[in-house]
C-alpha atoms as a PDB file:
ATOM      1  CA  MET A   1     -10.809   5.689 -15.202  1.00  0.00           C
ATOM      2  CA  THR A   2      -7.348   3.796 -15.985  1.00  0.00           C
ATOM      3  CA  SER A   3      -7.492   0.738 -13.975  1.00  0.00           C
ATOM      4  CA  GLU A   4      -4.136  -0.086 -13.587  1.00  0.00           C
ATOM      5  CA  LEU A   5      -3.753   3.506 -11.257  1.00  0.00           C
ATOM      6  CA  ALA A   6      -4.564   2.354  -7.581  1.00  0.00           C
ATOM      7  CA  ILE A   7      -4.776   5.927  -7.250  1.00  0.00           C
ATOM      8  CA  ALA A   8      -8.891   6.816  -7.513  1.00  0.00           C
ATOM      9  CA  SER A   9      -9.435  10.164  -7.572  1.00  0.00           C
ATOM     10  CA  ALA A  10     -13.412  12.258  -6.403  1.00  0.00           C
ATOM     11  CA  PHE A  11     -13.250  15.935  -8.252  1.00  0.00           C
ATOM     12  CA  MET A  12     -14.574  17.694  -4.598  1.00  0.00           C
ATOM     13  CA  GLY A  13     -17.293  19.928  -6.496  1.00  0.00           C
ATOM     14  CA  GLY A  14     -19.012  17.088  -8.528  1.00  0.00           C
ATOM     15  CA  GLY A  15     -18.192  14.094  -7.047  1.00  0.00           C
ATOM     16  CA  LYS A  16     -17.032  12.691 -10.485  1.00  0.00           C
ATOM     17  CA  VAL A  17     -14.781   9.457  -9.878  1.00  0.00           C
ATOM     18  CA  ASP A  18     -11.801   9.066 -12.809  1.00  0.00           C
ATOM     19  CA  GLY A  19      -8.485   7.943 -12.420  1.00  0.00           C
ATOM     20  CA  ILE A  20      -5.233   9.919 -12.265  1.00  0.00           C
ATOM     21  CA  GLY A  21      -3.441   9.713 -15.227  1.00  0.00           C
ATOM     22  CA  ALA A  22       0.126   9.389 -15.910  1.00  0.00           C
ATOM     23  CA  THR A  23       1.108  12.733 -16.421  1.00  0.00           C
ATOM     24  CA  TYR A  24       1.361  13.683 -12.060  1.00  0.00           C
ATOM     25  CA  ALA A  25       3.648  10.958 -11.574  1.00  0.00           C
ATOM     26  CA  GLY A  26       6.018  12.124  -8.923  1.00  0.00           C
ATOM     27  CA  SER A  27       3.424  15.280  -8.156  1.00  0.00           C
ATOM     28  CA  GLN A  28       2.974  16.583  -4.692  1.00  0.00           C
ATOM     29  CA  MET A  29      -0.298  16.426  -2.915  1.00  0.00           C
ATOM     30  CA  LYS A  30      -1.244  18.156   0.096  1.00  0.00           C
ATOM     31  CA  ILE A  31      -3.436  16.514   2.608  1.00  0.00           C
ATOM     32  CA  LYS A  32      -6.325  18.016   4.218  1.00  0.00           C
ATOM     33  CA  SER A  33      -8.048  15.618   5.536  1.00  0.00           C
ATOM     34  CA  ILE A  34      -7.491  11.832   6.660  1.00  0.00           C
ATOM     35  CA  LYS A  35     -11.070  10.682   6.686  1.00  0.00           C
ATOM     36  CA  VAL A  36     -12.116   6.339   7.828  1.00  0.00           C
ATOM     37  CA  GLU A  37     -15.263   5.339   6.213  1.00  0.00           C
ATOM     38  CA  ARG A  38     -16.927   2.272   6.845  1.00  0.00           C
ATOM     39  CA  ASN A  39     -19.304   0.492   4.932  1.00  0.00           C
ATOM     40  CA  LYS A  40     -20.965  -2.994   4.861  1.00  0.00           C
ATOM     41  CA  ASN A  41     -20.278  -3.789   0.978  1.00  0.00           C
ATOM     42  CA  ARG A  42     -16.505  -2.329   1.370  1.00  0.00           C
ATOM     43  CA  GLY A  43     -15.647  -2.764   4.496  1.00  0.00           C
ATOM     44  CA  VAL A  44     -13.406   0.201   6.344  1.00  0.00           C
ATOM     45  CA  GLN A  45     -11.533   2.367   4.046  1.00  0.00           C
ATOM     46  CA  VAL A  46      -8.997   5.218   4.519  1.00  0.00           C
ATOM     47  CA  VAL A  47      -9.587   8.187   2.641  1.00  0.00           C
ATOM     48  CA  PHE A  48      -7.155  11.384   2.021  1.00  0.00           C
ATOM     49  CA  ARG A  49      -9.033  14.211   0.972  1.00  0.00           C
ATOM     50  CA  CYS A  50      -5.505  16.284  -1.103  1.00  0.00           C
ATOM     51  CA  ASP A  51      -5.338  19.144  -2.729  1.00  0.00           C
ATOM     52  CA  LEU A  52      -2.792  18.320  -6.622  1.00  0.00           C
ATOM     53  CA  ALA A  53      -1.419  20.478  -7.906  1.00  0.00           C
ATOM     54  CA  GLY A  54      -3.114  21.449 -11.518  1.00  0.00           C
ATOM     55  CA  LEU A  55      -5.961  19.272 -10.590  1.00  0.00           C
ATOM     56  CA  GLY A  56      -7.073  20.538  -7.438  1.00  0.00           C
ATOM     57  CA  GLY A  57      -9.480  18.799  -5.068  1.00  0.00           C
ATOM     58  CA  VAL A  58      -9.022  14.790  -4.828  1.00  0.00           C
ATOM     59  CA  LEU A  59      -9.729  12.067  -2.446  1.00  0.00           C
ATOM     60  CA  VAL A  60      -7.131   9.492  -2.414  1.00  0.00           C
ATOM     61  CA  GLN A  61      -8.492   5.623  -1.111  1.00  0.00           C
ATOM     62  CA  ILE A  62      -4.945   4.304   0.539  1.00  0.00           C
ATOM     63  CA  GLU A  63      -6.201   0.666   0.293  1.00  0.00           C
ATOM     64  CA  ASN A  64      -6.195   0.858  -3.911  1.00  0.00           C
ATOM     65  CA  CYS A  65      -2.463   1.980  -3.564  1.00  0.00           C
ATOM     66  CA  LEU A  66      -1.667  -0.650  -1.450  1.00  0.00           C
ATOM     67  CA  SER A  67      -2.943  -3.152  -3.473  1.00  0.00           C
ATOM     68  CA  THR A  68      -1.548  -2.306  -6.256  1.00  0.00           C
ATOM     69  CA  GLY A  69       2.024  -1.755  -5.081  1.00  0.00           C
ATOM     70  CA  GLU A  70       1.987   2.225  -5.946  1.00  0.00           C
ATOM     71  CA  ILE A  71       1.887   2.885  -2.064  1.00  0.00           C
ATOM     72  CA  VAL A  72       4.088   0.091   0.113  1.00  0.00           C
ATOM     73  CA  SER A  73       3.521  -0.872   3.277  1.00  0.00           C
ATOM     74  CA  GLN A  74       6.511  -0.281   6.081  1.00  0.00           C
ATOM     75  CA  GLY A  75       4.697  -3.089   8.066  1.00  0.00           C
ATOM     76  CA  MET A  76       4.967  -6.741   6.947  1.00  0.00           C
ATOM     77  CA  THR A  77       1.971  -8.464   6.211  1.00  0.00           C
ATOM     78  CA  ARG A  78       1.964 -12.676   7.636  1.00  0.00           C
ATOM     79  CA  ASP A  79       2.074 -13.390   3.951  1.00  0.00           C
ATOM     80  CA  LYS A  80       4.993 -11.398   3.617  1.00  0.00           C
ATOM     81  CA  ALA A  81       7.272 -12.999   6.269  1.00  0.00           C
ATOM     82  CA  LEU A  82       5.964 -16.560   5.560  1.00  0.00           C
ATOM     83  CA  SER A  83       7.304 -15.403   2.553  1.00  0.00           C
ATOM     84  CA  GLU A  84      10.671 -14.261   3.879  1.00  0.00           C
ATOM     85  CA  VAL A  85      11.068 -17.078   6.326  1.00  0.00           C
ATOM     86  CA  LYS A  86      11.103 -19.313   3.775  1.00  0.00           C
ATOM     87  CA  LYS A  87      12.613 -17.539   1.359  1.00  0.00           C
ATOM     88  CA  ALA A  88      15.600 -18.055   4.080  1.00  0.00           C
ATOM     89  CA  LYS A  89      14.873 -21.519   4.677  1.00  0.00           C
ATOM     90  CA  GLU A  90      16.057 -22.128   0.919  1.00  0.00           C
ATOM     91  CA  MET A  91      18.675 -20.128   1.351  1.00  0.00           C
ATOM     92  CA  LEU A  92      19.986 -21.557   4.535  1.00  0.00           C
ATOM     93  CA  GLU A  93      19.775 -25.157   3.026  1.00  0.00           C
ATOM     94  CA  LEU A  94      21.655 -23.912  -0.275  1.00  0.00           C
ATOM     95  CA  GLU A  95      24.556 -22.943   1.948  1.00  0.00           C
ATOM     96  CA  LEU A  96      24.115 -19.320   1.308  1.00  0.00           C
ATOM     97  CA  ILE A  97      23.303 -17.966   4.985  1.00  0.00           C
ATOM     98  CA  THR A  98      24.464 -19.053   7.870  1.00  0.00           C
ATOM     99  CA  GLN A  99      22.112 -20.798  10.678  1.00  0.00           C
ATOM    100  CA  GLN A 100      22.587 -17.329  13.134  1.00  0.00           C
ATOM    101  CA  GLU A 101      21.540 -15.519   9.962  1.00  0.00           C
ATOM    102  CA  PHE A 102      18.629 -17.803   9.424  1.00  0.00           C
ATOM    103  CA  ASP A 103      17.512 -18.029  12.761  1.00  0.00           C
ATOM    104  CA  SER A 104      17.797 -13.705  12.988  1.00  0.00           C
ATOM    105  CA  ILE A 105      15.389 -12.834   9.902  1.00  0.00           C
ATOM    106  CA  LYS A 106      13.106 -16.177  11.441  1.00  0.00           C
ATOM    107  CA  ALA A 107      12.553 -13.918  14.903  1.00  0.00           C
ATOM    108  CA  GLU A 108      12.045 -10.997  12.764  1.00  0.00           C
ATOM    109  CA  CYS A 109       9.655 -11.974  11.209  1.00  0.00           C
ATOM    110  CA  ILE A 110       7.872 -14.478  13.358  1.00  0.00           C
ATOM    111  CA  LYS A 111       5.811 -11.622  15.275  1.00  0.00           C
ATOM    112  CA  PHE A 112       3.815 -11.157  11.967  1.00  0.00           C
ATOM    113  CA  ILE A 113       2.776 -14.506  11.433  1.00  0.00           C
ATOM    114  CA  LYS A 114       1.760 -15.569  14.556  1.00  0.00           C
END
């Protein structure tokens, strides 16, 4: 299994778990179903059952993809929002942005921090 790849695939026939190689970069997958799995040890995981051209059926564990940055969430995490406010504060102190621009960034990010 290629550790740097976030997409963990399990061949639907035998249940073998393996990584999808870089040769599939840019390939299109057809999502067949979406399942939420709950496990005491792993917590909640979202799994897509997909068909990938040339490979057949695979399971894609979305959390793995998000954790390595292979898939980027459109939402903002608390940590990311806090980082954005800190970065904007530094830019304000360096007079690279105005107080009004800082206030706008802070107002957008604060809802993710609280």
